[in-house]
Every structure is written in C-alpha cells, then in structure tokens.
C-alpha cells in the first residue's frame, strides 16, 4: 500500500532583530541569554527555518558568534557569524531552532539576535512525492523552489511569483506527483509567500 496523502502548511517568518535573543552585553566569553521561543522554533513561524541576524550599535566585529541549533529536518547544525559594526549582519544557514549562541569574548555594546525573512521548510525528510500545492503569494517577485535531500539541496522544480499583486495559485502537478527520493524541502523567499500548503505522500 502506498503512503497516504499528507498535508503541511508553511508560513514564512517575519524578520525580527530580537526574536532569538534580546539586546544584551557580555563581560567575557560566554553564551547569550536566548528568548524562550528560540529553543522551540516558535520564533521562526510554522514548520520553517530562518537565517540568524545579529544587531548592534557598536563595533563588535572582532567577536565571533557561534550559533547552534537544528535545521528543518531536525539535524544539529552550527554557524560562525562575525559580529556587526553598528549595523545588522545575517548568516547564511537556516535554523529551525536555536539552542545556543556562544561568543568568543566580551560584548560591551548591547547586541541582539533575530531571524531573517527568507525561510525554508521540510515537507518530508524521507522518500516522498509532492502531489499538490496551494499558495497565497505575498507580492514580491521570486521563485518558490522545491529542493531534494536538504534545505540547500538541488532544486527539482519551482514556481515563479511573477507579479507584485497578491494572488492565490494552485499549480498543476501530474497525478502521480513528483518523486523526491531523499526528502522534499521548500524555499520561500522573503515577501513572496503569505502561506503555502503542500500535499505529499
């Protein structure tokens, strides 16, 4: 018997500079105090992961912030991010949860950690077929990509949000669906999607 049809809805996260850790200083090397939601993924929305940002009005570019957490498939991941210089810097790794941000030295100016607006999500981490999608677009022209094996894997197909007018699309997918042998993931660029419901199995 084949897999029963399953459904999952993804809601991209709104960017925030304080969702992971409120503004704080450190007297020496140590860990930032995280927001309660950071360890549960609640900061990142529904079924998605986001890049991590650091914001400060001071120059803390001599510091390295090591972010530890999990990705959309639940695997443990880490990323080193160089501290900002009176600005916001954003990493390139997508975190669904953050369990620790370790700093290699003192942070003398209030610094916060948040999430970017680009988001990715795990549809299913094993072999599956994507069989349908219902997408409410957000008005930003971009490609909504379906990736194989990981959140940074090969794009198997994509849909282009081609207009700045917010719309509802239900793209055609063949009856047998599209096979993802090593797991299916979705990439939702900033502003392109309000929500995306994906059918798979």
N, C-alpha and C. Protein backbone atom coordinates (compact mmCIF):
# COMPACT_ATOMS: atom_id res chain seq x y z
N UNK A 1 0.85 -1.19 0.00
CA UNK A 1 0.00 0.00 0.00
C UNK A 1 0.88 1.24 0.00
N UNK A 2 0.56 2.23 -0.83
CA UNK A 2 1.33 3.46 -0.88
C UNK A 2 1.07 4.34 0.33
N UNK A 3 1.89 5.34 0.45
CA UNK A 3 1.71 6.27 1.55
C UNK A 3 0.41 7.04 1.39
N UNK A 4 -0.28 7.27 2.50
CA UNK A 4 -1.48 8.07 2.46
C UNK A 4 -1.11 9.53 2.22
N UNK A 5 -2.05 10.26 1.61
CA UNK A 5 -1.81 11.67 1.34
C UNK A 5 -1.67 12.43 2.65
N UNK A 6 -0.62 13.23 2.74
CA UNK A 6 -0.35 14.06 3.90
C UNK A 6 -0.38 15.53 3.48
N UNK A 7 -0.49 16.41 4.45
CA UNK A 7 -0.52 17.85 4.15
C UNK A 7 0.26 18.61 5.20
N UNK A 8 0.94 19.65 4.77
CA UNK A 8 1.68 20.51 5.69
C UNK A 8 1.61 21.94 5.17
N UNK A 9 1.39 22.89 6.09
CA UNK A 9 1.30 24.30 5.73
C UNK A 9 2.52 25.05 6.28
N UNK A 10 3.08 25.90 5.43
CA UNK A 10 4.26 26.69 5.80
C UNK A 10 3.89 28.16 5.79
N UNK A 11 4.26 28.86 6.85
CA UNK A 11 4.02 30.29 6.96
C UNK A 11 5.36 30.97 7.22
N UNK A 12 5.88 31.70 6.24
CA UNK A 12 7.20 32.33 6.41
C UNK A 12 7.24 33.27 7.61
N UNK A 13 8.41 33.36 8.19
CA UNK A 13 8.61 34.22 9.35
C UNK A 13 8.79 35.67 8.93
N UNK A 14 8.24 36.58 9.72
CA UNK A 14 8.55 37.99 9.54
C UNK A 14 9.91 38.26 10.17
N UNK A 15 10.72 39.07 9.50
CA UNK A 15 12.05 39.38 10.03
C UNK A 15 11.94 40.08 11.38
N UNK A 16 12.86 39.76 12.27
CA UNK A 16 12.91 40.38 13.59
C UNK A 16 14.36 40.42 14.05
N UNK A 17 14.74 41.48 14.73
CA UNK A 17 16.12 41.58 15.24
C UNK A 17 16.26 41.09 16.67
N UNK A 18 15.14 40.71 17.32
CA UNK A 18 15.20 40.32 18.73
C UNK A 18 14.49 39.00 19.03
N UNK A 19 14.06 38.26 18.01
CA UNK A 19 13.27 37.05 18.24
C UNK A 19 14.06 35.93 18.88
N UNK A 20 15.37 35.90 18.69
CA UNK A 20 16.20 34.82 19.23
C UNK A 20 16.84 35.22 20.56
N UNK A 21 17.29 36.46 20.67
CA UNK A 21 17.89 36.94 21.92
C UNK A 21 17.72 38.45 22.01
N UNK A 22 17.23 38.92 23.15
CA UNK A 22 17.07 40.36 23.37
C UNK A 22 18.44 41.03 23.47
N UNK A 23 18.48 42.36 23.30
CA UNK A 23 19.73 43.11 23.38
C UNK A 23 20.38 42.90 24.74
N UNK A 24 21.70 42.61 24.72
CA UNK A 24 22.41 42.29 25.96
C UNK A 24 23.91 42.48 25.76
N UNK A 25 24.63 42.54 26.87
CA UNK A 25 26.10 42.60 26.85
C UNK A 25 26.65 41.37 27.55
N UNK A 26 27.95 41.12 27.32
CA UNK A 26 28.64 40.02 27.99
C UNK A 26 29.98 40.53 28.52
N UNK A 27 30.31 40.20 29.76
CA UNK A 27 31.56 40.65 30.35
C UNK A 27 32.78 39.90 29.85
N UNK A 28 32.56 38.77 29.22
CA UNK A 28 33.64 37.95 28.68
C UNK A 28 33.05 36.87 27.81
N UNK A 29 33.89 35.94 27.38
CA UNK A 29 33.39 34.84 26.55
C UNK A 29 32.28 34.10 27.27
N UNK A 30 31.25 33.73 26.53
CA UNK A 30 30.11 33.05 27.15
C UNK A 30 28.96 32.91 26.18
N UNK A 31 27.80 32.58 26.72
CA UNK A 31 26.61 32.36 25.90
C UNK A 31 25.61 33.49 26.08
N UNK A 32 24.97 33.88 24.99
CA UNK A 32 23.88 34.85 25.07
C UNK A 32 22.67 34.20 25.74
N UNK A 33 21.89 35.01 26.45
CA UNK A 33 20.62 34.54 27.01
C UNK A 33 19.59 34.55 25.90
N UNK A 34 19.01 33.39 25.62
CA UNK A 34 18.10 33.26 24.49
C UNK A 34 16.66 33.52 24.90
N UNK A 35 15.87 33.99 23.95
CA UNK A 35 14.43 34.10 24.15
C UNK A 35 13.86 32.70 24.33
N UNK A 36 12.81 32.58 25.12
CA UNK A 36 12.23 31.26 25.41
C UNK A 36 11.88 30.52 24.13
N UNK A 37 11.35 31.23 23.14
CA UNK A 37 10.87 30.58 21.92
C UNK A 37 11.99 30.06 21.04
N UNK A 38 13.21 30.56 21.22
CA UNK A 38 14.29 30.19 20.30
C UNK A 38 14.55 28.70 20.29
N UNK A 39 14.45 28.06 21.45
CA UNK A 39 14.73 26.64 21.52
C UNK A 39 13.62 25.76 20.99
N UNK A 40 12.45 26.32 20.75
CA UNK A 40 11.32 25.53 20.26
C UNK A 40 11.05 25.78 18.79
N UNK A 41 11.68 26.79 18.21
CA UNK A 41 11.44 27.11 16.82
C UNK A 41 10.26 28.05 16.62
N UNK A 42 9.57 28.42 17.71
CA UNK A 42 8.39 29.26 17.58
C UNK A 42 8.73 30.62 16.98
N UNK A 43 9.98 31.07 17.19
CA UNK A 43 10.38 32.37 16.65
C UNK A 43 10.34 32.37 15.14
N UNK A 44 10.45 31.18 14.53
CA UNK A 44 10.61 31.09 13.08
C UNK A 44 9.31 30.83 12.34
N UNK A 45 8.17 30.83 13.03
CA UNK A 45 6.92 30.64 12.32
C UNK A 45 6.49 29.19 12.34
N UNK A 46 5.85 28.74 11.28
CA UNK A 46 5.26 27.41 11.21
C UNK A 46 6.04 26.52 10.27
N UNK A 47 6.63 25.46 10.81
CA UNK A 47 7.33 24.44 10.00
C UNK A 47 8.49 24.99 9.18
N UNK A 48 9.11 26.06 9.61
CA UNK A 48 10.15 26.67 8.78
C UNK A 48 11.40 26.98 9.59
N UNK A 49 12.49 27.24 8.87
CA UNK A 49 13.72 27.73 9.46
C UNK A 49 14.12 29.03 8.81
N UNK A 50 14.89 29.83 9.53
CA UNK A 50 15.29 31.15 9.03
C UNK A 50 16.78 31.37 9.29
N UNK A 51 17.36 32.30 8.55
CA UNK A 51 18.72 32.72 8.84
C UNK A 51 18.74 33.53 10.13
N UNK A 52 19.91 33.61 10.77
CA UNK A 52 20.05 34.30 12.05
C UNK A 52 20.79 35.62 11.84
N UNK A 53 20.26 36.67 12.46
CA UNK A 53 20.87 38.00 12.35
C UNK A 53 21.39 38.46 13.71
N UNK A 54 22.40 39.34 13.67
CA UNK A 54 22.95 39.98 14.87
C UNK A 54 22.91 41.48 14.66
N UNK A 55 22.45 42.22 15.66
CA UNK A 55 22.30 43.67 15.55
C UNK A 55 22.96 44.36 16.73
N UNK A 56 23.75 45.41 16.44
CA UNK A 56 24.38 46.20 17.50
C UNK A 56 24.67 47.60 16.98
N UNK A 57 24.64 48.59 17.87
CA UNK A 57 25.02 49.95 17.50
C UNK A 57 26.51 50.19 17.72
N UNK A 58 27.21 49.22 18.28
CA UNK A 58 28.65 49.34 18.48
C UNK A 58 29.43 48.52 17.47
N UNK A 59 30.74 48.60 17.57
CA UNK A 59 31.62 47.82 16.70
C UNK A 59 32.07 46.58 17.46
N UNK A 60 31.47 45.45 17.15
CA UNK A 60 31.85 44.19 17.79
C UNK A 60 32.30 43.19 16.72
N UNK A 61 32.88 43.73 15.66
CA UNK A 61 33.31 42.89 14.54
C UNK A 61 34.50 42.00 14.89
N UNK A 62 35.13 42.24 16.04
CA UNK A 62 36.23 41.37 16.47
C UNK A 62 35.72 40.09 17.13
N UNK A 63 34.43 40.04 17.41
CA UNK A 63 33.85 38.89 18.08
C UNK A 63 33.26 37.91 17.05
N UNK A 64 33.33 36.62 17.39
CA UNK A 64 32.68 35.57 16.60
C UNK A 64 31.56 34.96 17.42
N UNK A 65 30.38 34.91 16.84
CA UNK A 65 29.20 34.34 17.47
C UNK A 65 28.95 32.96 16.83
N UNK A 66 28.99 31.92 17.63
CA UNK A 66 28.76 30.56 17.12
C UNK A 66 27.34 30.14 17.47
N UNK A 67 26.52 30.01 16.44
CA UNK A 67 25.11 29.66 16.61
C UNK A 67 24.96 28.15 16.48
N UNK A 68 24.27 27.53 17.43
CA UNK A 68 23.99 26.09 17.40
C UNK A 68 22.49 25.88 17.48
N UNK A 69 21.99 24.92 16.73
CA UNK A 69 20.57 24.62 16.75
C UNK A 69 20.26 23.45 15.84
N UNK A 70 19.06 23.45 15.27
CA UNK A 70 18.66 22.39 14.35
C UNK A 70 18.13 23.00 13.06
N UNK A 71 18.24 22.21 11.98
CA UNK A 71 17.70 22.66 10.70
C UNK A 71 16.29 22.12 10.52
N UNK A 72 15.73 22.31 9.32
CA UNK A 72 14.34 21.94 9.07
C UNK A 72 14.10 20.44 9.17
N UNK A 73 15.15 19.64 9.02
CA UNK A 73 15.00 18.18 9.12
C UNK A 73 15.29 17.67 10.52
N UNK A 74 15.65 18.56 11.45
CA UNK A 74 15.92 18.17 12.82
C UNK A 74 17.36 17.86 13.12
N UNK A 75 18.25 17.98 12.14
CA UNK A 75 19.67 17.71 12.34
C UNK A 75 20.35 18.88 13.05
N UNK A 76 21.33 18.59 13.89
CA UNK A 76 22.08 19.64 14.59
C UNK A 76 23.01 20.35 13.62
N UNK A 77 23.01 21.67 13.66
CA UNK A 77 23.85 22.48 12.78
C UNK A 77 24.48 23.61 13.59
N UNK A 78 25.59 24.15 13.08
CA UNK A 78 26.24 25.31 13.69
C UNK A 78 26.66 26.29 12.60
N UNK A 79 26.84 27.53 12.99
CA UNK A 79 27.34 28.56 12.07
C UNK A 79 28.09 29.61 12.87
N UNK A 80 29.26 30.03 12.37
CA UNK A 80 30.00 31.14 12.94
C UNK A 80 29.65 32.42 12.19
N UNK A 81 29.21 33.44 12.94
CA UNK A 81 28.85 34.74 12.35
C UNK A 81 29.73 35.81 12.98
N UNK A 82 30.40 36.60 12.16
CA UNK A 82 31.21 37.71 12.66
C UNK A 82 30.30 38.83 13.16
N UNK A 83 30.64 39.39 14.31
CA UNK A 83 29.81 40.42 14.91
C UNK A 83 29.66 41.65 14.04
N UNK A 84 28.58 42.41 14.23
CA UNK A 84 28.32 43.60 13.40
C UNK A 84 29.12 44.82 13.84
N UNK A 85 29.15 45.81 12.99
CA UNK A 85 29.77 47.11 13.27
C UNK A 85 28.71 48.18 13.03
N UNK A 86 27.94 48.49 14.09
CA UNK A 86 26.88 49.49 14.02
C UNK A 86 25.91 49.18 12.89
N UNK A 87 25.49 47.92 12.82
CA UNK A 87 24.60 47.50 11.75
C UNK A 87 23.97 46.16 12.12
N UNK A 88 23.30 45.54 11.16
CA UNK A 88 22.80 44.17 11.30
C UNK A 88 23.52 43.28 10.31
N UNK A 89 24.03 42.16 10.79
CA UNK A 89 24.63 41.16 9.90
C UNK A 89 23.78 39.90 9.96
N UNK A 90 23.72 39.18 8.86
CA UNK A 90 22.86 38.00 8.77
C UNK A 90 23.67 36.82 8.26
N UNK A 91 23.51 35.67 8.90
CA UNK A 91 24.19 34.46 8.47
C UNK A 91 23.55 33.88 7.22
N UNK A 92 24.05 32.72 6.80
CA UNK A 92 23.55 32.08 5.58
C UNK A 92 22.94 30.72 5.83
N UNK A 93 23.00 30.22 7.07
CA UNK A 93 22.46 28.91 7.41
C UNK A 93 21.05 29.09 7.97
N UNK A 94 20.14 28.18 7.59
CA UNK A 94 18.75 28.27 8.03
C UNK A 94 18.53 27.41 9.27
N UNK A 95 18.11 28.05 10.36
CA UNK A 95 17.87 27.38 11.64
C UNK A 95 16.36 27.30 11.91
N UNK A 96 15.89 26.10 12.31
CA UNK A 96 14.52 25.97 12.78
C UNK A 96 14.43 26.20 14.28
N UNK A 97 15.49 25.84 15.00
CA UNK A 97 15.61 26.17 16.42
C UNK A 97 17.02 26.66 16.68
N UNK A 98 17.17 27.44 17.73
CA UNK A 98 18.49 27.88 18.20
C UNK A 98 18.60 27.49 19.66
N UNK A 99 19.61 26.71 19.98
CA UNK A 99 19.79 26.24 21.36
C UNK A 99 20.94 26.92 22.07
N UNK A 100 21.83 27.59 21.30
CA UNK A 100 22.96 28.28 21.94
C UNK A 100 23.56 29.29 20.97
N UNK A 101 23.95 30.44 21.50
CA UNK A 101 24.80 31.39 20.77
C UNK A 101 25.98 31.69 21.68
N UNK A 102 27.14 31.16 21.33
CA UNK A 102 28.36 31.34 22.12
C UNK A 102 29.21 32.44 21.50
N UNK A 103 29.77 33.29 22.34
CA UNK A 103 30.61 34.40 21.89
C UNK A 103 32.02 34.19 22.44
N UNK A 104 33.03 34.50 21.61
CA UNK A 104 34.42 34.19 21.99
C UNK A 104 35.10 35.27 22.82
N UNK A 105 34.34 36.29 23.25
CA UNK A 105 34.92 37.34 24.07
C UNK A 105 33.85 38.30 24.55
N UNK A 106 34.28 39.35 25.24
CA UNK A 106 33.35 40.32 25.81
C UNK A 106 32.59 41.07 24.72
N UNK A 107 31.34 41.39 25.02
CA UNK A 107 30.49 42.20 24.14
C UNK A 107 30.07 43.41 24.95
N UNK A 108 30.69 44.57 24.67
CA UNK A 108 30.49 45.74 25.50
C UNK A 108 29.29 46.58 25.14
N UNK A 109 28.74 46.39 23.95
CA UNK A 109 27.58 47.15 23.50
C UNK A 109 26.40 46.22 23.31
N UNK A 110 25.21 46.66 23.71
CA UNK A 110 24.03 45.83 23.57
C UNK A 110 23.92 45.22 22.17
N UNK A 111 23.76 43.91 22.14
CA UNK A 111 23.66 43.18 20.88
C UNK A 111 22.51 42.19 20.98
N UNK A 112 21.71 42.12 19.93
CA UNK A 112 20.57 41.21 19.90
C UNK A 112 20.71 40.22 18.75
N UNK A 113 19.93 39.14 18.82
CA UNK A 113 19.91 38.14 17.76
C UNK A 113 18.47 37.94 17.31
N UNK A 114 18.29 37.86 16.00
CA UNK A 114 16.95 37.68 15.45
C UNK A 114 16.97 36.75 14.26
N UNK A 115 15.93 36.84 13.45
CA UNK A 115 15.83 35.98 12.27
C UNK A 115 15.57 36.80 11.02
N UNK A 116 16.09 36.31 9.89
CA UNK A 116 15.82 36.93 8.61
C UNK A 116 14.44 36.58 8.10
N UNK A 117 14.06 37.15 6.97
CA UNK A 117 12.73 36.92 6.42
C UNK A 117 12.67 35.74 5.46
N UNK A 118 13.79 35.39 4.83
CA UNK A 118 13.81 34.22 3.95
C UNK A 118 13.66 32.97 4.80
N UNK A 119 12.83 32.02 4.36
CA UNK A 119 12.58 30.83 5.15
C UNK A 119 12.58 29.57 4.29
N UNK A 120 12.91 28.45 4.92
CA UNK A 120 12.83 27.14 4.27
C UNK A 120 12.10 26.19 5.20
N UNK A 121 11.53 25.12 4.62
CA UNK A 121 10.82 24.15 5.44
C UNK A 121 10.99 22.75 4.91
N UNK A 122 10.88 21.77 5.81
CA UNK A 122 10.95 20.36 5.43
C UNK A 122 9.54 19.85 5.18
N UNK A 123 9.28 19.45 3.94
CA UNK A 123 7.99 18.82 3.62
C UNK A 123 7.97 17.42 4.20
N UNK A 124 8.99 16.62 3.86
CA UNK A 124 9.15 15.27 4.40
C UNK A 124 10.61 14.89 4.22
N UNK A 125 11.23 14.29 5.24
CA UNK A 125 12.67 14.05 5.19
C UNK A 125 13.05 12.69 4.61
N UNK A 126 12.07 11.87 4.28
CA UNK A 126 12.33 10.60 3.59
C UNK A 126 11.79 10.65 2.18
N UNK A 127 11.82 9.50 1.50
CA UNK A 127 11.30 9.43 0.14
C UNK A 127 9.81 9.76 0.12
N UNK A 128 9.40 10.63 -0.80
CA UNK A 128 8.01 11.03 -0.90
C UNK A 128 7.74 11.61 -2.27
N UNK A 129 6.47 11.84 -2.56
CA UNK A 129 6.06 12.52 -3.79
C UNK A 129 5.27 13.77 -3.43
N UNK A 130 5.65 14.89 -4.01
CA UNK A 130 4.86 16.11 -3.87
C UNK A 130 3.72 16.03 -4.86
N UNK A 131 2.47 16.15 -4.37
CA UNK A 131 1.31 15.88 -5.20
C UNK A 131 0.42 17.09 -5.42
N UNK A 132 0.68 18.17 -4.75
CA UNK A 132 -0.13 19.36 -4.96
C UNK A 132 0.33 20.49 -4.06
N UNK A 133 -0.10 21.71 -4.40
CA UNK A 133 0.25 22.87 -3.59
C UNK A 133 -0.80 23.96 -3.77
N UNK A 134 -1.07 24.67 -2.70
CA UNK A 134 -1.93 25.85 -2.72
C UNK A 134 -1.14 26.97 -2.07
N UNK A 135 -0.93 28.04 -2.81
CA UNK A 135 -0.01 29.09 -2.37
C UNK A 135 -0.69 30.45 -2.42
N UNK A 136 -0.65 31.17 -1.32
CA UNK A 136 -1.08 32.57 -1.30
C UNK A 136 0.17 33.42 -1.42
N UNK A 137 0.29 34.15 -2.52
CA UNK A 137 1.51 34.91 -2.77
C UNK A 137 1.53 36.20 -1.97
N UNK A 138 2.75 36.72 -1.77
CA UNK A 138 2.92 37.89 -0.92
C UNK A 138 3.21 39.19 -1.63
N UNK A 139 3.34 39.15 -2.96
CA UNK A 139 3.54 40.38 -3.70
C UNK A 139 4.97 40.69 -4.08
N UNK A 140 5.92 39.83 -3.70
CA UNK A 140 7.31 40.01 -4.10
C UNK A 140 7.66 39.00 -5.19
N UNK A 141 8.20 39.47 -6.30
CA UNK A 141 8.56 38.59 -7.41
C UNK A 141 9.76 37.74 -7.01
N UNK A 142 9.60 36.42 -7.06
CA UNK A 142 10.67 35.49 -6.66
C UNK A 142 10.26 34.08 -7.06
N UNK A 143 11.21 33.15 -6.94
CA UNK A 143 10.95 31.74 -7.23
C UNK A 143 10.72 30.96 -5.94
N UNK A 144 9.62 30.22 -5.88
CA UNK A 144 9.34 29.30 -4.79
C UNK A 144 9.88 27.94 -5.22
N UNK A 145 10.92 27.46 -4.55
CA UNK A 145 11.65 26.28 -5.02
C UNK A 145 11.37 25.06 -4.15
N UNK A 146 11.30 23.90 -4.80
CA UNK A 146 11.17 22.62 -4.13
C UNK A 146 12.49 21.87 -4.30
N UNK A 147 13.14 21.54 -3.18
CA UNK A 147 14.51 21.01 -3.21
C UNK A 147 14.57 19.56 -2.73
N UNK A 148 15.54 18.84 -3.27
CA UNK A 148 15.76 17.44 -2.91
C UNK A 148 16.84 17.33 -1.84
N UNK A 149 16.63 16.46 -0.85
CA UNK A 149 17.59 15.96 0.13
C UNK A 149 17.88 16.90 1.31
N UNK A 150 17.83 18.21 1.11
CA UNK A 150 18.10 19.12 2.22
C UNK A 150 17.60 20.51 1.87
N UNK A 151 17.66 21.42 2.85
CA UNK A 151 17.19 22.78 2.62
C UNK A 151 18.09 23.56 1.68
N UNK A 152 19.28 23.03 1.40
CA UNK A 152 20.18 23.65 0.42
C UNK A 152 20.44 22.73 -0.76
N UNK A 153 19.59 21.71 -0.92
CA UNK A 153 19.80 20.71 -1.96
C UNK A 153 19.45 21.19 -3.35
N UNK A 154 19.46 20.24 -4.29
CA UNK A 154 19.18 20.53 -5.70
C UNK A 154 17.71 20.89 -5.89
N UNK A 155 17.44 21.95 -6.63
CA UNK A 155 16.07 22.34 -6.94
C UNK A 155 15.50 21.41 -8.01
N UNK A 156 14.40 20.71 -7.69
CA UNK A 156 13.77 19.82 -8.66
C UNK A 156 12.77 20.56 -9.53
N UNK A 157 12.05 21.51 -8.94
CA UNK A 157 11.16 22.36 -9.73
C UNK A 157 10.85 23.60 -8.91
N UNK A 158 10.32 24.62 -9.58
CA UNK A 158 9.99 25.86 -8.88
C UNK A 158 8.82 26.54 -9.57
N UNK A 159 8.17 27.42 -8.82
CA UNK A 159 7.11 28.29 -9.36
C UNK A 159 7.57 29.73 -9.18
N UNK A 160 7.33 30.53 -10.19
CA UNK A 160 7.72 31.93 -10.13
C UNK A 160 6.53 32.79 -9.75
N UNK A 161 6.69 33.57 -8.68
CA UNK A 161 5.71 34.62 -8.37
C UNK A 161 6.07 35.78 -9.28
N UNK A 162 5.26 35.99 -10.32
CA UNK A 162 5.65 36.89 -11.41
C UNK A 162 5.02 38.27 -11.33
N UNK A 163 4.22 38.52 -10.31
CA UNK A 163 3.54 39.81 -10.22
C UNK A 163 3.58 40.32 -8.79
N UNK A 164 3.57 41.62 -8.64
CA UNK A 164 3.56 42.22 -7.30
C UNK A 164 2.15 42.27 -6.72
N UNK A 165 1.16 41.83 -7.49
CA UNK A 165 -0.21 41.74 -6.99
C UNK A 165 -0.36 40.46 -6.18
N UNK A 166 -0.81 40.56 -4.97
CA UNK A 166 -1.02 39.37 -4.15
C UNK A 166 -2.09 38.50 -4.78
N UNK A 167 -1.85 37.19 -4.80
CA UNK A 167 -2.70 36.29 -5.57
C UNK A 167 -2.76 34.94 -4.87
N UNK A 168 -3.61 34.06 -5.40
CA UNK A 168 -3.72 32.68 -4.94
C UNK A 168 -3.45 31.78 -6.12
N UNK A 169 -2.49 30.86 -5.98
CA UNK A 169 -2.17 29.97 -7.09
C UNK A 169 -2.24 28.52 -6.62
N UNK A 170 -2.72 27.68 -7.52
CA UNK A 170 -2.80 26.24 -7.27
C UNK A 170 -2.17 25.55 -8.47
N UNK A 171 -0.84 25.45 -8.49
CA UNK A 171 -0.13 24.98 -9.68
C UNK A 171 -0.45 23.53 -10.00
N UNK A 172 -0.37 23.21 -11.30
CA UNK A 172 -0.61 21.83 -11.75
C UNK A 172 0.59 20.95 -11.43
N UNK A 173 0.31 19.79 -10.86
CA UNK A 173 1.31 18.75 -10.65
C UNK A 173 0.72 17.45 -11.17
N UNK A 174 1.46 16.65 -11.96
CA UNK A 174 0.93 15.40 -12.52
C UNK A 174 0.33 14.50 -11.44
N UNK A 175 -0.62 13.65 -11.85
CA UNK A 175 -1.38 12.84 -10.90
C UNK A 175 -0.49 11.98 -10.00
N UNK A 176 0.60 11.44 -10.54
CA UNK A 176 1.48 10.60 -9.74
C UNK A 176 2.39 11.41 -8.82
N UNK A 177 2.37 12.71 -8.95
CA UNK A 177 3.23 13.55 -8.13
C UNK A 177 4.65 13.59 -8.65
N UNK A 178 5.50 14.32 -7.96
CA UNK A 178 6.91 14.45 -8.33
C UNK A 178 7.74 13.80 -7.23
N UNK A 179 8.54 12.81 -7.61
CA UNK A 179 9.28 11.98 -6.66
C UNK A 179 10.50 12.70 -6.11
N UNK A 180 10.63 12.68 -4.79
CA UNK A 180 11.82 13.14 -4.08
C UNK A 180 12.36 11.94 -3.31
N UNK A 181 13.41 11.32 -3.80
CA UNK A 181 13.91 10.08 -3.20
C UNK A 181 14.58 10.31 -1.85
N UNK A 182 15.12 11.50 -1.64
CA UNK A 182 15.91 11.77 -0.44
C UNK A 182 15.31 12.86 0.43
N UNK A 183 14.01 13.08 0.31
CA UNK A 183 13.35 14.10 1.10
C UNK A 183 13.02 15.34 0.28
N UNK A 184 11.95 16.02 0.66
CA UNK A 184 11.48 17.21 -0.06
C UNK A 184 11.47 18.41 0.87
N UNK A 185 11.98 19.53 0.36
CA UNK A 185 12.09 20.77 1.13
C UNK A 185 11.58 21.92 0.26
N UNK A 186 11.09 22.98 0.90
CA UNK A 186 10.56 24.13 0.17
C UNK A 186 11.29 25.39 0.61
N UNK A 187 11.62 26.24 -0.36
CA UNK A 187 12.32 27.50 -0.12
C UNK A 187 11.36 28.64 -0.44
N UNK A 188 11.10 29.49 0.56
CA UNK A 188 10.13 30.58 0.44
C UNK A 188 10.86 31.91 0.59
N UNK A 189 11.23 32.56 -0.51
CA UNK A 189 11.96 33.83 -0.43
C UNK A 189 11.15 34.92 0.27
N UNK A 190 11.86 35.86 0.84
CA UNK A 190 11.24 36.94 1.60
C UNK A 190 10.16 37.67 0.79
N UNK A 191 8.97 37.77 1.37
CA UNK A 191 7.89 38.54 0.77
C UNK A 191 7.13 37.86 -0.34
N UNK A 192 7.59 36.68 -0.77
CA UNK A 192 6.96 36.04 -1.93
C UNK A 192 5.71 35.26 -1.57
N UNK A 193 5.59 34.84 -0.31
CA UNK A 193 4.52 33.93 0.09
C UNK A 193 3.93 34.36 1.43
N UNK A 194 2.60 34.34 1.50
CA UNK A 194 1.92 34.50 2.79
C UNK A 194 1.81 33.15 3.48
N UNK A 195 1.39 32.14 2.72
CA UNK A 195 1.37 30.77 3.22
C UNK A 195 1.41 29.81 2.04
N UNK A 196 1.92 28.61 2.29
CA UNK A 196 1.98 27.58 1.25
C UNK A 196 1.57 26.25 1.88
N UNK A 197 0.54 25.63 1.31
CA UNK A 197 0.09 24.32 1.75
C UNK A 197 0.51 23.29 0.72
N UNK A 198 1.22 22.26 1.16
CA UNK A 198 1.78 21.26 0.25
C UNK A 198 1.19 19.90 0.59
N UNK A 199 0.77 19.17 -0.46
CA UNK A 199 0.24 17.82 -0.31
C UNK A 199 1.31 16.84 -0.79
N UNK A 200 1.52 15.78 -0.03
CA UNK A 200 2.60 14.85 -0.35
C UNK A 200 2.24 13.46 0.17
N UNK A 201 2.99 12.45 -0.27
CA UNK A 201 2.76 11.10 0.22
C UNK A 201 3.22 10.05 -0.77
